[in-house]
Amino acid sequence: MQTWAVQDAKSRFSEFLDACLAKGPQIVTRRGAEAAVLVPVDVWRRLQAAAKPSLKDLLLSDAGRGDLVLPERGQARRRRVQEVL
């Protein structure tokens, strides 16, 4: 993967995009630290298809729904409350 400074990626965007399509993912750095990656759309779709379901998908699915099993209540002792005068 080739690394591009953000100012180079902005000023030479067409070249940046062509490199992504021809050579694969391209890394963008900001102040020397990796900040983002430009990937071809087919790679992005493959990654999205392989990703785990989102929290929203899990909450909306029927897979996690079922009866909630609660343990039997025990004979726990309650503490005494002392009156303050």
PDB file of N, CA and C in Angstrom:
ATOM      1  N   MET A   1       0.836  -1.184   0.000  1.00  0.00           N
ATOM      2  CA  MET A   1       0.000   0.000   0.000  1.00  0.00           C
ATOM      3  C   MET A   1       0.876   1.240   0.000  1.00  0.00           C
ATOM      4  N   GLN A   2       0.483   2.177  -0.807  1.00  0.00           N
ATOM      5  CA  GLN A   2       1.208   3.441  -0.877  1.00  0.00           C
ATOM      6  C   GLN A   2       0.626   4.404   0.140  1.00  0.00           C
ATOM      7  N   THR A   3       1.467   5.253   0.683  1.00  0.00           N
ATOM      8  CA  THR A   3       1.045   6.244   1.661  1.00  0.00           C
ATOM      9  C   THR A   3       1.071   7.631   1.039  1.00  0.00           C
ATOM     10  N   TRP A   4       0.016   8.397   1.290  1.00  0.00           N
ATOM     11  CA  TRP A   4      -0.127   9.752   0.756  1.00  0.00           C
ATOM     12  C   TRP A   4      -0.357  10.710   1.908  1.00  0.00           C
ATOM     13  N   ALA A   5       0.334  11.829   1.908  1.00  0.00           N
ATOM     14  CA  ALA A   5       0.025  12.894   2.852  1.00  0.00           C
ATOM     15  C   ALA A   5      -1.303  13.518   2.421  1.00  0.00           C
ATOM     16  N   VAL A   6      -2.068  13.997   3.367  1.00  0.00           N
ATOM     17  CA  VAL A   6      -3.399  14.509   3.040  1.00  0.00           C
ATOM     18  C   VAL A   6      -3.346  15.635   2.011  1.00  0.00           C
ATOM     19  N   GLN A   7      -2.348  16.509   2.106  1.00  0.00           N
ATOM     20  CA  GLN A   7      -2.264  17.600   1.132  1.00  0.00           C
ATOM     21  C   GLN A   7      -1.945  17.075  -0.271  1.00  0.00           C
ATOM     22  N   ASP A   8      -1.154  16.001  -0.383  1.00  0.00           N
ATOM     23  CA  ASP A   8      -0.873  15.396  -1.688  1.00  0.00           C
ATOM     24  C   ASP A   8      -2.110  14.702  -2.242  1.00  0.00           C
ATOM     25  N   ALA A   9      -2.837  14.005  -1.372  1.00  0.00           N
ATOM     26  CA  ALA A   9      -4.049  13.317  -1.813  1.00  0.00           C
ATOM     27  C   ALA A   9      -5.082  14.318  -2.314  1.00  0.00           C
ATOM     28  N   LYS A  10      -5.168  15.479  -1.656  1.00  0.00           N
ATOM     29  CA  LYS A  10      -6.116  16.508  -2.085  1.00  0.00           C
ATOM     30  C   LYS A  10      -5.705  17.138  -3.406  1.00  0.00           C
ATOM     31  N   SER A  11      -4.435  17.482  -3.525  1.00  0.00           N
ATOM     32  CA  SER A  11      -4.006  18.202  -4.728  1.00  0.00           C
ATOM     33  C   SER A  11      -3.893  17.287  -5.948  1.00  0.00           C
ATOM     34  N   ARG A  12      -3.666  15.991  -5.717  1.00  0.00           N
ATOM     35  CA  ARG A  12      -3.519  15.042  -6.836  1.00  0.00           C
ATOM     36  C   ARG A  12      -4.561  13.933  -6.727  1.00  0.00           C
ATOM     37  N   PHE A  13      -5.817  14.322  -6.473  1.00  0.00           N
ATOM     38  CA  PHE A  13      -6.852  13.337  -6.192  1.00  0.00           C
ATOM     39  C   PHE A  13      -7.057  12.344  -7.333  1.00  0.00           C
ATOM     40  N   SER A  14      -7.034  12.792  -8.572  1.00  0.00           N
ATOM     41  CA  SER A  14      -7.231  11.877  -9.703  1.00  0.00           C
ATOM     42  C   SER A  14      -6.145  10.802  -9.716  1.00  0.00           C
ATOM     43  N   GLU A  15      -4.916  11.196  -9.477  1.00  0.00           N
ATOM     44  CA  GLU A  15      -3.811  10.240  -9.419  1.00  0.00           C
ATOM     45  C   GLU A  15      -3.975   9.306  -8.218  1.00  0.00           C
ATOM     46  N   PHE A  16      -4.421   9.866  -7.109  1.00  0.00           N
ATOM     47  CA  PHE A  16      -4.681   9.095  -5.890  1.00  0.00           C
ATOM     48  C   PHE A  16      -5.747   8.028  -6.146  1.00  0.00           C
ATOM     49  N   LEU A  17      -6.836   8.422  -6.800  1.00  0.00           N
ATOM     50  CA  LEU A  17      -7.911   7.495  -7.122  1.00  0.00           C
ATOM     51  C   LEU A  17      -7.456   6.443  -8.123  1.00  0.00           C
ATOM     52  N   ASP A  18      -6.697   6.843  -9.156  1.00  0.00           N
ATOM     53  CA  ASP A  18      -6.182   5.883 -10.139  1.00  0.00           C
ATOM     54  C   ASP A  18      -5.271   4.861  -9.470  1.00  0.00           C
ATOM     55  N   ALA A  19      -4.429   5.302  -8.536  1.00  0.00           N
ATOM     56  CA  ALA A  19      -3.543   4.378  -7.810  1.00  0.00           C
ATOM     57  C   ALA A  19      -4.351   3.389  -6.996  1.00  0.00           C
ATOM     58  N   CYS A  20      -5.434   3.863  -6.406  1.00  0.00           N
ATOM     59  CA  CYS A  20      -6.300   2.972  -5.628  1.00  0.00           C
ATOM     60  C   CYS A  20      -6.918   1.898  -6.520  1.00  0.00           C
ATOM     61  N   LEU A  21      -7.406   2.303  -7.671  1.00  0.00           N
ATOM     62  CA  LEU A  21      -8.049   1.350  -8.577  1.00  0.00           C
ATOM     63  C   LEU A  21      -7.050   0.385  -9.206  1.00  0.00           C
ATOM     64  N   ALA A  22      -5.827   0.851  -9.466  1.00  0.00           N
ATOM     65  CA  ALA A  22      -4.831   0.010 -10.115  1.00  0.00           C
ATOM     66  C   ALA A  22      -4.035  -0.854  -9.136  1.00  0.00           C
ATOM     67  N   LYS A  23      -3.677  -0.282  -7.991  1.00  0.00           N
ATOM     68  CA  LYS A  23      -2.765  -0.971  -7.064  1.00  0.00           C
ATOM     69  C   LYS A  23      -3.420  -1.444  -5.778  1.00  0.00           C
ATOM     70  N   GLY A  24      -4.653  -1.022  -5.521  1.00  0.00           N
ATOM     71  CA  GLY A  24      -5.325  -1.431  -4.290  1.00  0.00           C
ATOM     72  C   GLY A  24      -5.374  -0.302  -3.273  1.00  0.00           C
ATOM     73  N   PRO A  25      -5.682  -0.634  -2.030  1.00  0.00           N
ATOM     74  CA  PRO A  25      -5.875   0.377  -0.988  1.00  0.00           C
ATOM     75  C   PRO A  25      -4.700   1.344  -0.856  1.00  0.00           C
ATOM     76  N   GLN A  26      -5.032   2.608  -0.583  1.00  0.00           N
ATOM     77  CA  GLN A  26      -4.045   3.672  -0.412  1.00  0.00           C
ATOM     78  C   GLN A  26      -4.265   4.316   0.964  1.00  0.00           C
ATOM     79  N   ILE A  27      -3.188   4.524   1.701  1.00  0.00           N
ATOM     80  CA  ILE A  27      -3.270   5.102   3.040  1.00  0.00           C
ATOM     81  C   ILE A  27      -3.070   6.609   2.965  1.00  0.00           C
ATOM     82  N   VAL A  28      -3.869   7.347   3.728  1.00  0.00           N
ATOM     83  CA  VAL A  28      -3.736   8.804   3.829  1.00  0.00           C
ATOM     84  C   VAL A  28      -3.217   9.115   5.230  1.00  0.00           C
ATOM     85  N   THR A  29      -2.199   9.963   5.301  1.00  0.00           N
ATOM     86  CA  THR A  29      -1.647  10.351   6.598  1.00  0.00           C
ATOM     87  C   THR A  29      -1.916  11.825   6.860  1.00  0.00           C
ATOM     88  N   ARG A  30      -2.070  12.142   8.123  1.00  0.00           N
ATOM     89  CA  ARG A  30      -2.220  13.535   8.557  1.00  0.00           C
ATOM     90  C   ARG A  30      -1.196  13.760   9.658  1.00  0.00           C
ATOM     91  N   ARG A  31      -0.304  14.701   9.412  1.00  0.00           N
ATOM     92  CA  ARG A  31       0.786  15.009  10.341  1.00  0.00           C
ATOM     93  C   ARG A  31       1.616  13.767  10.676  1.00  0.00           C
ATOM     94  N   GLY A  32       1.806  12.920   9.676  1.00  0.00           N
ATOM     95  CA  GLY A  32       2.639  11.735   9.819  1.00  0.00           C
ATOM     96  C   GLY A  32       1.951  10.516  10.407  1.00  0.00           C
ATOM     97  N   ALA A  33       0.719  10.655  10.874  1.00  0.00           N
ATOM     98  CA  ALA A  33      -0.017   9.522  11.446  1.00  0.00           C
ATOM     99  C   ALA A  33      -1.066   9.035  10.448  1.00  0.00           C
ATOM    100  N   GLU A  34      -1.218   7.719  10.333  1.00  0.00           N
ATOM    101  CA  GLU A  34      -2.214   7.154   9.434  1.00  0.00           C
ATOM    102  C   GLU A  34      -3.602   7.601   9.860  1.00  0.00           C
ATOM    103  N   ALA A  35      -4.374   8.121   8.912  1.00  0.00           N
ATOM    104  CA  ALA A  35      -5.685   8.674   9.233  1.00  0.00           C
ATOM    105  C   ALA A  35      -6.831   7.962   8.520  1.00  0.00           C
ATOM    106  N   ALA A  36      -6.608   7.513   7.284  1.00  0.00           N
ATOM    107  CA  ALA A  36      -7.691   6.907   6.512  1.00  0.00           C
ATOM    108  C   ALA A  36      -7.116   6.015   5.426  1.00  0.00           C
ATOM    109  N   VAL A  37      -8.002   5.224   4.829  1.00  0.00           N
ATOM    110  CA  VAL A  37      -7.616   4.345   3.724  1.00  0.00           C
ATOM    111  C   VAL A  37      -8.658   4.476   2.621  1.00  0.00           C
ATOM    112  N   LEU A  38      -8.199   4.646   1.398  1.00  0.00           N
ATOM    113  CA  LEU A  38      -9.081   4.649   0.235  1.00  0.00           C
ATOM    114  C   LEU A  38      -8.994   3.259  -0.385  1.00  0.00           C
ATOM    115  N   VAL A  39     -10.158   2.597  -0.499  1.00  0.00           N
ATOM    116  CA  VAL A  39     -10.189   1.248  -1.067  1.00  0.00           C
ATOM    117  C   VAL A  39     -11.160   1.218  -2.240  1.00  0.00           C
ATOM    118  N   PRO A  40     -10.923   0.335  -3.209  1.00  0.00           N
ATOM    119  CA  PRO A  40     -11.880   0.175  -4.310  1.00  0.00           C
ATOM    120  C   PRO A  40     -13.231  -0.302  -3.780  1.00  0.00           C
ATOM    121  N   VAL A  41     -14.297   0.037  -4.477  1.00  0.00           N
ATOM    122  CA  VAL A  41     -15.645  -0.264  -4.002  1.00  0.00           C
ATOM    123  C   VAL A  41     -15.890  -1.767  -3.876  1.00  0.00           C
ATOM    124  N   ASP A  42     -15.307  -2.600  -4.733  1.00  0.00           N
ATOM    125  CA  ASP A  42     -15.517  -4.044  -4.606  1.00  0.00           C
ATOM    126  C   ASP A  42     -14.889  -4.589  -3.324  1.00  0.00           C
ATOM    127  N   VAL A  43     -13.753  -4.038  -2.925  1.00  0.00           N
ATOM    128  CA  VAL A  43     -13.119  -4.439  -1.661  1.00  0.00           C
ATOM    129  C   VAL A  43     -14.000  -3.991  -0.502  1.00  0.00           C
ATOM    130  N   TRP A  44     -14.524  -2.777  -0.574  1.00  0.00           N
ATOM    131  CA  TRP A  44     -15.390  -2.261   0.479  1.00  0.00           C
ATOM    132  C   TRP A  44     -16.636  -3.131   0.646  1.00  0.00           C
ATOM    133  N   ARG A  45     -17.258  -3.508  -0.458  1.00  0.00           N
ATOM    134  CA  ARG A  45     -18.470  -4.348  -0.383  1.00  0.00           C
ATOM    135  C   ARG A  45     -18.155  -5.719   0.198  1.00  0.00           C
ATOM    136  N   ARG A  46     -17.001  -6.283  -0.170  1.00  0.00           N
ATOM    137  CA  ARG A  46     -16.599  -7.580   0.384  1.00  0.00           C
ATOM    138  C   ARG A  46     -16.372  -7.475   1.893  1.00  0.00           C
ATOM    139  N   LEU A  47     -15.744  -6.401   2.333  1.00  0.00           N
ATOM    140  CA  LEU A  47     -15.519  -6.196   3.765  1.00  0.00           C
ATOM    141  C   LEU A  47     -16.836  -6.000   4.513  1.00  0.00           C
ATOM    142  N   GLN A  48     -17.768  -5.265   3.915  1.00  0.00           N
ATOM    143  CA  GLN A  48     -19.064  -5.045   4.555  1.00  0.00           C
ATOM    144  C   GLN A  48     -19.848  -6.349   4.668  1.00  0.00           C
ATOM    145  N   ALA A  49     -19.777  -7.193   3.643  1.00  0.00           N
ATOM    146  CA  ALA A  49     -20.500  -8.460   3.669  1.00  0.00           C
ATOM    147  C   ALA A  49     -19.928  -9.403   4.718  1.00  0.00           C
ATOM    148  N   ALA A  50     -18.619  -9.328   4.948  1.00  0.00           N
ATOM    149  CA  ALA A  50     -17.973 -10.217   5.915  1.00  0.00           C
ATOM    150  C   ALA A  50     -18.033  -9.688   7.339  1.00  0.00           C
ATOM    151  N   ALA A  51     -18.459  -8.443   7.515  1.00  0.00           N
ATOM    152  CA  ALA A  51     -18.476  -7.827   8.847  1.00  0.00           C
ATOM    153  C   ALA A  51     -19.555  -8.461   9.716  1.00  0.00           C
ATOM    154  N   LYS A  52     -19.333  -8.409  11.007  1.00  0.00           N
ATOM    155  CA  LYS A  52     -20.322  -8.895  11.959  1.00  0.00           C
ATOM    156  C   LYS A  52     -21.535  -7.971  11.913  1.00  0.00           C
ATOM    157  N   PRO A  53     -22.682  -8.478  12.324  1.00  0.00           N
ATOM    158  CA  PRO A  53     -23.862  -7.605  12.307  1.00  0.00           C
ATOM    159  C   PRO A  53     -23.693  -6.441  13.287  1.00  0.00           C
ATOM    160  N   SER A  54     -24.306  -5.331  12.947  1.00  0.00           N
ATOM    161  CA  SER A  54     -24.230  -4.154  13.809  1.00  0.00           C
ATOM    162  C   SER A  54     -25.155  -4.346  15.010  1.00  0.00           C
ATOM    163  N   LEU A  55     -25.006  -3.489  16.000  1.00  0.00           N
ATOM    164  CA  LEU A  55     -25.878  -3.540  17.169  1.00  0.00           C
ATOM    165  C   LEU A  55     -27.331  -3.353  16.755  1.00  0.00           C
ATOM    166  N   LYS A  56     -27.567  -2.456  15.826  1.00  0.00           N
ATOM    167  CA  LYS A  56     -28.933  -2.227  15.334  1.00  0.00           C
ATOM    168  C   LYS A  56     -29.500  -3.508  14.734  1.00  0.00           C
ATOM    169  N   ASP A  57     -28.702  -4.192  13.894  1.00  0.00           N
ATOM    170  CA  ASP A  57     -29.170  -5.430  13.276  1.00  0.00           C
ATOM    171  C   ASP A  57     -29.468  -6.495  14.328  1.00  0.00           C
ATOM    172  N   LEU A  58     -28.609  -6.577  15.354  1.00  0.00           N
ATOM    173  CA  LEU A  58     -28.832  -7.555  16.417  1.00  0.00           C
ATOM    174  C   LEU A  58     -30.110  -7.265  17.198  1.00  0.00           C
ATOM    175  N   LEU A  59     -30.338  -5.991  17.509  1.00  0.00           N
ATOM    176  CA  LEU A  59     -31.534  -5.640  18.274  1.00  0.00           C
ATOM    177  C   LEU A  59     -32.812  -5.856  17.480  1.00  0.00           C
ATOM    178  N   LEU A  60     -32.746  -5.680  16.170  1.00  0.00           N
ATOM    179  CA  LEU A  60     -33.934  -5.847  15.339  1.00  0.00           C
ATOM    180  C   LEU A  60     -34.173  -7.287  14.901  1.00  0.00           C
ATOM    181  N   SER A  61     -33.200  -8.161  15.099  1.00  0.00           N
ATOM    182  CA  SER A  61     -33.350  -9.549  14.654  1.00  0.00           C
ATOM    183  C   SER A  61     -34.136 -10.367  15.676  1.00  0.00           C
ATOM    184  N   ASP A  62     -34.669 -11.489  15.222  1.00  0.00           N
ATOM    185  CA  ASP A  62     -35.397 -12.394  16.104  1.00  0.00           C
ATOM    186  C   ASP A  62     -34.467 -13.397  16.773  1.00  0.00           C
ATOM    187  N   ALA A  63     -33.213 -13.434  16.379  1.00  0.00           N
ATOM    188  CA  ALA A  63     -32.280 -14.426  16.901  1.00  0.00           C
ATOM    189  C   ALA A  63     -32.060 -14.294  18.406  1.00  0.00           C
ATOM    190  N   GLY A  64     -32.018 -13.085  18.913  1.00  0.00           N
ATOM    191  CA  GLY A  64     -31.738 -12.890  20.327  1.00  0.00           C
ATOM    192  C   GLY A  64     -32.973 -12.886  21.207  1.00  0.00           C
ATOM    193  N   ARG A  65     -34.135 -13.029  20.607  1.00  0.00           N
ATOM    194  CA  ARG A  65     -35.368 -12.975  21.386  1.00  0.00           C
ATOM    195  C   ARG A  65     -35.706 -14.349  21.936  1.00  0.00           C
ATOM    196  N   GLY A  66     -36.219 -14.374  23.100  1.00  0.00           N
ATOM    197  CA  GLY A  66     -36.607 -15.637  23.725  1.00  0.00           C
ATOM    198  C   GLY A  66     -37.051 -15.374  25.148  1.00  0.00           C
ATOM    199  N   ASP A  67     -37.296 -16.442  25.858  1.00  0.00           N
ATOM    200  CA  ASP A  67     -37.725 -16.301  27.243  1.00  0.00           C
ATOM    201  C   ASP A  67     -36.535 -15.953  28.112  1.00  0.00           C
ATOM    202  N   LEU A  68     -36.770 -15.069  29.031  1.00  0.00           N
ATOM    203  CA  LEU A  68     -35.748 -14.671  29.972  1.00  0.00           C
ATOM    204  C   LEU A  68     -35.834 -15.614  31.158  1.00  0.00           C
ATOM    205  N   VAL A  69     -34.785 -16.373  31.390  1.00  0.00           N
ATOM    206  CA  VAL A  69     -34.765 -17.334  32.477  1.00  0.00           C
ATOM    207  C   VAL A  69     -34.169 -16.655  33.706  1.00  0.00           C
ATOM    208  N   LEU A  70     -34.972 -16.578  34.749  1.00  0.00           N
ATOM    209  CA  LEU A  70     -34.518 -15.967  35.994  1.00  0.00           C
ATOM    210  C   LEU A  70     -34.323 -17.052  37.045  1.00  0.00           C
ATOM    211  N   PRO A  71     -33.286 -16.952  37.847  1.00  0.00           N
ATOM    212  CA  PRO A  71     -33.080 -17.952  38.899  1.00  0.00           C
ATOM    213  C   PRO A  71     -34.143 -17.797  39.989  1.00  0.00           C
ATOM    214  N   GLU A  72     -34.368 -18.863  40.705  1.00  0.00           N
ATOM    215  CA  GLU A  72     -35.323 -18.832  41.810  1.00  0.00           C
ATOM    216  C   GLU A  72     -34.834 -17.862  42.873  1.00  0.00           C
ATOM    217  N   ARG A  73     -35.785 -17.230  43.527  1.00  0.00           N
ATOM    218  CA  ARG A  73     -35.414 -16.305  44.591  1.00  0.00           C
ATOM    219  C   ARG A  73     -34.939 -17.100  45.792  1.00  0.00           C
ATOM    220  N   GLY A  74     -33.877 -16.635  46.362  1.00  0.00           N
ATOM    221  CA  GLY A  74     -33.327 -17.313  47.526  1.00  0.00           C
ATOM    222  C   GLY A  74     -33.925 -16.784  48.818  1.00  0.00           C
ATOM    223  N   GLN A  75     -33.416 -17.287  49.897  1.00  0.00           N
ATOM    224  CA  GLN A  75     -33.877 -16.878  51.221  1.00  0.00           C
ATOM    225  C   GLN A  75     -32.916 -15.845  51.793  1.00  0.00           C
ATOM    226  N   ALA A  76     -32.625 -14.832  51.047  1.00  0.00           N
ATOM    227  CA  ALA A  76     -31.693 -13.802  51.492  1.00  0.00           C
ATOM    228  C   ALA A  76     -32.291 -13.057  52.678  1.00  0.00           C
ATOM    229  N   ARG A  77     -31.445 -12.791  53.662  1.00  0.00           N
ATOM    230  CA  ARG A  77     -31.891 -12.045  54.836  1.00  0.00           C
ATOM    231  C   ARG A  77     -31.796 -10.565  54.551  1.00  0.00           C
ATOM    232  N   ARG A  78     -32.759  -9.861  55.040  1.00  0.00           N
ATOM    233  CA  ARG A  78     -32.727  -8.422  54.882  1.00  0.00           C
ATOM    234  C   ARG A  78     -32.082  -7.816  56.119  1.00  0.00           C
ATOM    235  N   ARG A  79     -31.385  -6.758  55.928  1.00  0.00           N
ATOM    236  CA  ARG A  79     -30.746  -6.105  57.066  1.00  0.00           C
ATOM    237  C   ARG A  79     -31.759  -5.240  57.797  1.00  0.00           C
ATOM    238  N   ARG A  80     -31.502  -5.053  59.026  1.00  0.00           N
ATOM    239  CA  ARG A  80     -32.371  -4.219  59.834  1.00  0.00           C
ATOM    240  C   ARG A  80     -32.053  -2.765  59.601  1.00  0.00           C
ATOM    241  N   VAL A  81     -33.075  -1.964  59.560  1.00  0.00           N
ATOM    242  CA  VAL A  81     -32.896  -0.533  59.408  1.00  0.00           C
ATOM    243  C   VAL A  81     -33.000   0.097  60.785  1.00  0.00           C
ATOM    244  N   GLN A  82     -31.989   0.811  61.182  1.00  0.00           N
ATOM    245  CA  GLN A  82     -31.996   1.463  62.478  1.00  0.00           C
ATOM    246  C   GLN A  82     -32.601   2.848  62.343  1.00  0.00           C
ATOM    247  N   GLU A  83     -33.481   3.146  63.264  1.00  0.00           N
ATOM    248  CA  GLU A  83     -34.095   4.461  63.242  1.00  0.00           C
ATOM    249  C   GLU A  83     -33.129   5.480  63.822  1.00  0.00           C
ATOM    250  N   VAL A  84     -33.066   6.607  63.198  1.00  0.00           N
ATOM    251  CA  VAL A  84     -32.180   7.685  63.667  1.00  0.00           C
ATOM    252  C   VAL A  84     -33.049   8.707  64.377  1.00  0.00           C
ATOM    253  N   LEU A  85     -32.717   8.999  65.585  1.00  0.00           N
ATOM    254  CA  LEU A  85     -33.507   9.968  66.355  1.00  0.00           C
ATOM    255  C   LEU A  85     -32.905  11.330  66.340  1.00  0.00           C
TER     256      LEU A  85
END
